[in-house]
Amino acid sequence: QVQPVESGGGLVQPGGSLRLSCAASSSIFSLHVMGWYRQTPGKQRELVASITSSGSTNYADSVKGRFTISRDNAKNTVYLQMNSLKPEDTAVYYCNKVSSSNWLWGQGTQVTVSS
């Protein structure tokens, strides 16, 4: 079973930036649509950005223009560059394939935006 490993979270002030990374040991990683999700206590996990195998991207309205998703298929890694962070971006961030049959969920990485 594939279980992604997320990293790069932390505490940042409003307006700051963070870059998240996610590695997944799938032999066909490059074929999957990959996504970054986030979850806050008491709320459902939401998809905030996705990227196809060819590099086409899609974003939730709440992060459009501030977040950039990218991938390095040679390293089986997907990234999320987060700029102009807001307190409402505070959440645990996860990556997974965008599919009706997700991989196991990793532990995620905590992002806290606060002054």
N, C-alpha and C. Protein backbone atom coordinates (compact mmCIF):
# COMPACT_ATOMS: atom_id res chain seq x y z
N GLN A 1 0.84 -1.19 0.00
CA GLN A 1 0.00 0.00 0.00
C GLN A 1 0.88 1.25 0.00
N VAL A 2 0.51 2.20 -0.84
CA VAL A 2 1.26 3.45 -0.91
C VAL A 2 0.75 4.40 0.16
N GLN A 3 1.66 5.02 0.88
CA GLN A 3 1.31 6.03 1.86
C GLN A 3 2.24 7.21 1.68
N PRO A 4 1.72 8.32 1.17
CA PRO A 4 2.57 9.49 0.93
C PRO A 4 3.17 10.03 2.23
N VAL A 5 4.29 10.73 2.09
CA VAL A 5 4.95 11.37 3.22
C VAL A 5 5.06 12.86 2.91
N GLU A 6 4.35 13.66 3.71
CA GLU A 6 4.33 15.10 3.52
C GLU A 6 5.33 15.78 4.46
N SER A 7 5.87 16.92 4.01
CA SER A 7 6.80 17.69 4.84
C SER A 7 6.78 19.15 4.41
N GLY A 8 7.37 19.99 5.26
CA GLY A 8 7.53 21.39 4.89
C GLY A 8 6.62 22.36 5.61
N GLY A 9 5.71 21.86 6.43
CA GLY A 9 4.81 22.75 7.15
C GLY A 9 5.52 23.50 8.26
N GLY A 10 4.77 24.37 8.92
CA GLY A 10 5.34 25.13 10.02
C GLY A 10 4.48 26.30 10.39
N LEU A 11 5.05 27.17 11.22
CA LEU A 11 4.38 28.39 11.66
C LEU A 11 4.89 29.55 10.83
N VAL A 12 4.00 30.31 10.26
CA VAL A 12 4.38 31.44 9.42
C VAL A 12 3.44 32.60 9.68
N GLN A 13 3.95 33.80 9.53
CA GLN A 13 3.12 34.99 9.72
C GLN A 13 2.24 35.22 8.50
N PRO A 14 1.11 35.89 8.69
CA PRO A 14 0.28 36.25 7.53
C PRO A 14 1.10 36.98 6.48
N GLY A 15 0.88 36.61 5.23
CA GLY A 15 1.66 37.18 4.13
C GLY A 15 2.90 36.41 3.79
N GLY A 16 3.25 35.46 4.63
CA GLY A 16 4.46 34.67 4.41
C GLY A 16 4.26 33.54 3.41
N SER A 17 5.33 32.75 3.25
CA SER A 17 5.33 31.66 2.27
C SER A 17 5.85 30.38 2.89
N LEU A 18 5.40 29.28 2.34
CA LEU A 18 5.90 27.96 2.69
C LEU A 18 5.88 27.10 1.43
N ARG A 19 6.77 26.10 1.40
CA ARG A 19 6.76 25.14 0.30
C ARG A 19 6.63 23.74 0.89
N LEU A 20 5.56 23.09 0.54
CA LEU A 20 5.31 21.72 1.00
C LEU A 20 5.81 20.72 -0.03
N SER A 21 6.25 19.58 0.47
CA SER A 21 6.69 18.49 -0.40
C SER A 21 5.97 17.21 -0.02
N CYS A 22 5.80 16.35 -1.00
CA CYS A 22 5.15 15.07 -0.73
C CYS A 22 5.78 14.02 -1.63
N ALA A 23 6.27 12.95 -1.00
CA ALA A 23 6.86 11.84 -1.74
C ALA A 23 5.97 10.62 -1.63
N ALA A 24 5.82 9.92 -2.74
CA ALA A 24 4.97 8.73 -2.76
C ALA A 24 5.67 7.62 -3.53
N SER A 25 5.79 6.47 -2.92
CA SER A 25 6.54 5.36 -3.53
C SER A 25 5.64 4.50 -4.40
N SER A 26 5.17 5.08 -5.47
CA SER A 26 4.36 4.35 -6.43
C SER A 26 5.13 4.20 -7.73
N SER A 27 5.13 3.01 -8.26
CA SER A 27 5.87 2.78 -9.50
C SER A 27 5.23 3.46 -10.70
N ILE A 28 3.97 3.84 -10.54
CA ILE A 28 3.30 4.54 -11.64
C ILE A 28 2.86 5.93 -11.20
N PHE A 29 3.66 6.53 -10.32
CA PHE A 29 3.36 7.87 -9.80
C PHE A 29 3.07 8.84 -10.93
N SER A 30 3.87 8.77 -11.97
CA SER A 30 3.77 9.75 -13.04
C SER A 30 2.43 9.70 -13.78
N LEU A 31 1.71 8.62 -13.65
CA LEU A 31 0.44 8.46 -14.37
C LEU A 31 -0.74 9.05 -13.61
N HIS A 32 -0.54 9.31 -12.32
CA HIS A 32 -1.65 9.73 -11.49
C HIS A 32 -1.86 11.23 -11.50
N VAL A 33 -3.13 11.64 -11.42
CA VAL A 33 -3.44 13.02 -11.07
C VAL A 33 -3.18 13.14 -9.57
N MET A 34 -2.35 14.09 -9.20
CA MET A 34 -1.99 14.27 -7.79
C MET A 34 -2.64 15.53 -7.23
N GLY A 35 -2.96 15.47 -5.96
CA GLY A 35 -3.61 16.62 -5.35
C GLY A 35 -3.10 16.93 -3.96
N TRP A 36 -3.23 18.18 -3.58
CA TRP A 36 -3.00 18.60 -2.20
C TRP A 36 -4.36 18.89 -1.58
N TYR A 37 -4.55 18.34 -0.41
CA TYR A 37 -5.78 18.49 0.34
C TYR A 37 -5.44 19.17 1.66
N ARG A 38 -6.46 19.75 2.31
CA ARG A 38 -6.25 20.27 3.66
C ARG A 38 -7.49 20.00 4.50
N GLN A 39 -7.24 19.94 5.79
CA GLN A 39 -8.33 19.63 6.73
C GLN A 39 -8.12 20.39 8.02
N THR A 40 -9.21 20.95 8.53
CA THR A 40 -9.21 21.59 9.84
C THR A 40 -10.17 20.80 10.73
N PRO A 41 -9.99 20.92 12.04
CA PRO A 41 -10.82 20.14 12.98
C PRO A 41 -12.31 20.36 12.73
N GLY A 42 -13.05 19.28 12.66
CA GLY A 42 -14.49 19.37 12.51
C GLY A 42 -14.97 19.58 11.09
N LYS A 43 -14.04 19.67 10.14
CA LYS A 43 -14.41 19.90 8.75
C LYS A 43 -13.92 18.75 7.87
N GLN A 44 -14.57 18.61 6.74
CA GLN A 44 -14.14 17.59 5.79
C GLN A 44 -12.85 18.01 5.10
N ARG A 45 -12.09 17.01 4.70
CA ARG A 45 -10.89 17.28 3.94
C ARG A 45 -11.29 17.87 2.58
N GLU A 46 -10.60 18.94 2.16
CA GLU A 46 -10.93 19.58 0.90
C GLU A 46 -9.73 19.57 -0.04
N LEU A 47 -10.00 19.42 -1.31
CA LEU A 47 -8.96 19.46 -2.33
C LEU A 47 -8.68 20.91 -2.68
N VAL A 48 -7.43 21.33 -2.56
CA VAL A 48 -7.11 22.73 -2.84
C VAL A 48 -6.34 22.90 -4.15
N ALA A 49 -5.65 21.87 -4.61
CA ALA A 49 -4.90 21.97 -5.86
C ALA A 49 -4.66 20.59 -6.43
N SER A 50 -4.65 20.50 -7.74
CA SER A 50 -4.37 19.22 -8.39
C SER A 50 -3.53 19.44 -9.64
N ILE A 51 -2.83 18.38 -10.04
CA ILE A 51 -1.98 18.44 -11.22
C ILE A 51 -2.03 17.11 -11.95
N THR A 52 -2.22 17.19 -13.26
CA THR A 52 -2.29 15.96 -14.05
C THR A 52 -0.88 15.46 -14.37
N SER A 53 -0.83 14.30 -15.00
CA SER A 53 0.46 13.72 -15.36
C SER A 53 1.20 14.61 -16.35
N SER A 54 0.48 15.38 -17.13
CA SER A 54 1.10 16.26 -18.13
C SER A 54 1.37 17.65 -17.61
N GLY A 55 0.94 17.92 -16.36
CA GLY A 55 1.26 19.20 -15.75
C GLY A 55 0.14 20.23 -15.74
N SER A 56 -1.03 19.87 -16.20
CA SER A 56 -2.17 20.79 -16.11
C SER A 56 -2.62 20.90 -14.66
N THR A 57 -2.93 22.13 -14.26
CA THR A 57 -3.24 22.36 -12.85
C THR A 57 -4.65 22.92 -12.67
N ASN A 58 -5.15 22.74 -11.45
CA ASN A 58 -6.45 23.28 -11.09
C ASN A 58 -6.40 23.65 -9.61
N TYR A 59 -7.10 24.73 -9.26
CA TYR A 59 -7.05 25.24 -7.89
C TYR A 59 -8.43 25.57 -7.37
N ALA A 60 -8.59 25.42 -6.07
CA ALA A 60 -9.79 25.91 -5.41
C ALA A 60 -9.77 27.44 -5.46
N ASP A 61 -10.95 28.03 -5.53
CA ASP A 61 -11.02 29.49 -5.61
C ASP A 61 -10.31 30.17 -4.44
N SER A 62 -10.35 29.52 -3.28
CA SER A 62 -9.78 30.13 -2.08
C SER A 62 -8.26 30.28 -2.13
N VAL A 63 -7.60 29.53 -3.02
CA VAL A 63 -6.13 29.59 -3.08
C VAL A 63 -5.61 30.04 -4.44
N LYS A 64 -6.51 30.23 -5.38
CA LYS A 64 -6.11 30.59 -6.74
C LYS A 64 -5.31 31.89 -6.73
N GLY A 65 -4.19 31.89 -7.43
CA GLY A 65 -3.35 33.07 -7.48
C GLY A 65 -2.33 33.17 -6.35
N ARG A 66 -2.47 32.30 -5.35
CA ARG A 66 -1.53 32.32 -4.21
C ARG A 66 -0.74 31.03 -4.09
N PHE A 67 -1.35 29.91 -4.45
CA PHE A 67 -0.70 28.60 -4.35
C PHE A 67 -0.33 28.10 -5.74
N THR A 68 0.77 27.36 -5.81
CA THR A 68 1.20 26.74 -7.06
C THR A 68 1.59 25.30 -6.80
N ILE A 69 0.95 24.39 -7.52
CA ILE A 69 1.28 22.98 -7.41
C ILE A 69 2.22 22.60 -8.55
N SER A 70 3.17 21.74 -8.25
CA SER A 70 4.08 21.24 -9.28
C SER A 70 4.48 19.82 -8.92
N ARG A 71 5.13 19.15 -9.87
CA ARG A 71 5.53 17.77 -9.61
C ARG A 71 6.86 17.48 -10.30
N ASP A 72 7.58 16.52 -9.72
CA ASP A 72 8.81 16.01 -10.31
C ASP A 72 8.64 14.50 -10.39
N ASN A 73 8.26 14.01 -11.54
CA ASN A 73 7.97 12.58 -11.67
C ASN A 73 9.21 11.71 -11.49
N ALA A 74 10.37 12.25 -11.80
CA ALA A 74 11.61 11.49 -11.60
C ALA A 74 11.87 11.22 -10.13
N LYS A 75 11.35 12.10 -9.27
CA LYS A 75 11.54 11.95 -7.82
C LYS A 75 10.26 11.47 -7.12
N ASN A 76 9.22 11.17 -7.89
CA ASN A 76 7.94 10.76 -7.30
C ASN A 76 7.49 11.76 -6.23
N THR A 77 7.61 13.03 -6.55
CA THR A 77 7.34 14.08 -5.57
C THR A 77 6.43 15.14 -6.15
N VAL A 78 5.53 15.64 -5.31
CA VAL A 78 4.67 16.75 -5.69
C VAL A 78 4.88 17.87 -4.66
N TYR A 79 4.81 19.10 -5.13
CA TYR A 79 5.09 20.26 -4.28
C TYR A 79 3.88 21.19 -4.25
N LEU A 80 3.83 22.00 -3.19
CA LEU A 80 2.84 23.07 -3.11
C LEU A 80 3.54 24.31 -2.59
N GLN A 81 3.71 25.28 -3.47
CA GLN A 81 4.26 26.58 -3.08
C GLN A 81 3.10 27.45 -2.64
N MET A 82 3.17 27.91 -1.40
CA MET A 82 2.09 28.71 -0.83
C MET A 82 2.61 30.10 -0.51
N ASN A 83 2.07 31.10 -1.17
CA ASN A 83 2.45 32.49 -0.96
C ASN A 83 1.27 33.28 -0.41
N SER A 84 1.57 34.46 0.13
CA SER A 84 0.52 35.34 0.65
C SER A 84 -0.43 34.58 1.58
N LEU A 85 0.16 33.84 2.49
CA LEU A 85 -0.64 33.00 3.36
C LEU A 85 -1.54 33.81 4.28
N LYS A 86 -2.71 33.24 4.54
CA LYS A 86 -3.71 33.89 5.38
C LYS A 86 -4.02 32.99 6.58
N PRO A 87 -4.52 33.56 7.67
CA PRO A 87 -4.87 32.72 8.82
C PRO A 87 -5.83 31.58 8.46
N GLU A 88 -6.71 31.82 7.51
CA GLU A 88 -7.66 30.77 7.12
C GLU A 88 -7.02 29.64 6.33
N ASP A 89 -5.74 29.76 6.00
CA ASP A 89 -5.02 28.65 5.37
C ASP A 89 -4.51 27.66 6.41
N THR A 90 -4.65 28.01 7.68
CA THR A 90 -4.21 27.11 8.74
C THR A 90 -4.96 25.78 8.66
N ALA A 91 -4.21 24.69 8.58
CA ALA A 91 -4.80 23.35 8.41
C ALA A 91 -3.69 22.31 8.41
N VAL A 92 -4.09 21.05 8.43
CA VAL A 92 -3.15 19.97 8.13
C VAL A 92 -3.28 19.69 6.64
N TYR A 93 -2.14 19.68 5.97
CA TYR A 93 -2.11 19.49 4.52
C TYR A 93 -1.65 18.07 4.19
N TYR A 94 -2.37 17.45 3.26
CA TYR A 94 -2.08 16.09 2.83
C TYR A 94 -1.96 16.06 1.31
N CYS A 95 -1.23 15.08 0.82
CA CYS A 95 -1.28 14.85 -0.62
C CYS A 95 -1.76 13.42 -0.86
N ASN A 96 -2.34 13.22 -2.02
CA ASN A 96 -2.82 11.90 -2.41
C ASN A 96 -3.16 11.97 -3.88
N LYS A 97 -3.38 10.84 -4.50
CA LYS A 97 -3.86 10.88 -5.86
C LYS A 97 -5.32 11.32 -5.85
N VAL A 98 -5.73 11.96 -6.88
CA VAL A 98 -7.11 12.40 -7.01
C VAL A 98 -7.87 11.28 -7.70
N SER A 99 -8.59 10.53 -6.90
CA SER A 99 -9.20 9.30 -7.41
C SER A 99 -10.30 8.85 -6.46
N SER A 100 -11.19 8.03 -6.98
CA SER A 100 -12.21 7.45 -6.11
C SER A 100 -11.59 6.40 -5.19
N SER A 101 -10.39 5.97 -5.51
CA SER A 101 -9.68 5.00 -4.66
C SER A 101 -8.33 5.58 -4.26
N ASN A 102 -8.35 6.38 -3.20
CA ASN A 102 -7.11 7.01 -2.74
C ASN A 102 -6.14 5.98 -2.17
N TRP A 103 -4.89 6.37 -2.15
CA TRP A 103 -3.91 5.64 -1.35
C TRP A 103 -4.22 5.84 0.13
N LEU A 104 -3.49 5.12 0.98
CA LEU A 104 -3.56 5.41 2.40
C LEU A 104 -3.19 6.88 2.63
N TRP A 105 -3.82 7.50 3.60
CA TRP A 105 -3.48 8.89 3.91
C TRP A 105 -2.25 8.94 4.81
N GLY A 106 -1.35 9.86 4.51
CA GLY A 106 -0.20 10.07 5.35
C GLY A 106 -0.56 10.85 6.60
N GLN A 107 0.46 11.22 7.35
CA GLN A 107 0.22 11.97 8.59
C GLN A 107 -0.04 13.45 8.32
N GLY A 108 0.29 13.88 7.13
CA GLY A 108 0.09 15.29 6.80
C GLY A 108 1.16 16.17 7.40
N THR A 109 1.09 17.43 7.06
CA THR A 109 2.01 18.42 7.62
C THR A 109 1.21 19.63 8.05
N GLN A 110 1.46 20.08 9.28
CA GLN A 110 0.67 21.18 9.86
C GLN A 110 1.17 22.52 9.34
N VAL A 111 0.25 23.33 8.87
CA VAL A 111 0.55 24.71 8.48
C VAL A 111 -0.26 25.62 9.39
N THR A 112 0.44 26.51 10.08
CA THR A 112 -0.22 27.45 10.97
C THR A 112 0.18 28.86 10.55
N VAL A 113 -0.83 29.67 10.23
CA VAL A 113 -0.60 31.05 9.82
C VAL A 113 -1.11 31.96 10.93
N SER A 114 -0.19 32.59 11.62
CA SER A 114 -0.56 33.40 12.77
C SER A 114 0.52 34.41 13.06
N SER A 115 0.09 35.57 13.57
CA SER A 115 1.06 36.58 13.99
C SER A 115 1.39 36.42 15.46
